Structure formats: C-alpha cells, structure tokens
Amino acid sequence: MSASAIDTIVAPATPIGRSALAIVRIDGPLSASILKSLSGAAPEPRYVALVELAHDSQHIDHCLAVRYEAPHSFTGNDLVELTLHGSSVIVGEVIRAAIALGARFAEPGEFTERAVLNGKLD
C-alpha cells in the first residue's frame, strides 16, 4: 500500500449496491477544500450539516457532511464523511468529483492503514 499521508484519498465506506444511504470518505489535507468546492461550505469540525453537492454546475445530491480535523478522526488525518442517498450513480459522481478536485481513489485498506500509522488503532 502506498499510504502517503500527504495524499488525499476518497472511497466509499459502505458497500456499493442497493441501500437507502451510502457513505463516502475523503481523507487528507485537501478534504475540507474538496467539501467546500462541492458544497460551497465546510461545516465546523465534528458538526453535521445538510449540504447540497454540485460539481461543474451539476447537482449531485443533498447529503449530510461531517468534517473532522486531525487528529480527531478515524485515521488521525483531516477527514470528511458524506452520507449520501444510496444510489451507486450518486456515489460514483461524488468520487469522480473528488478525484477531479485533487483526491485519488484509495487502495483497499488504506484508511485503516492510515489509522494504524497514526496510532488510532493497535
């Protein structure tokens, strides 16, 4: 795994498929700016905000956004969690938008690896 702590990564945190809700995580130094680019705002750390996500003037979804500042996140890094409607199309659009804004798709286990490297998990 690459797990460069300076990279911003994005991936679904819930399985892709039929569901009412899906979670997408964005971890790294660009996470808050990506959220701000997609929603026009970045909520206060550890508060939930209802935001409208859009990219390239195209509406993606209304979702719940939570922003965590390092070291107060699962990984120990700056982190954004987006709770979206469960459509795989919406999840894909959010991930594509985050990648267009500077993130890269996370490798399997990379969020957990970052948590271990930052002393969040034993």
Foldseek 3Di string as FASTA:
>chain_A
DPLDQAAWAKDWPDDADDDFKTKMKIFHDCAQVLVCQQFVHRDDAPDWDFTWGDDPNHTQFTWIKHWHDACPDQLRHTMMMTIGGRHPVSVVVSNVSSVVVGHYHDDPCSSVVSNVVNVNDD
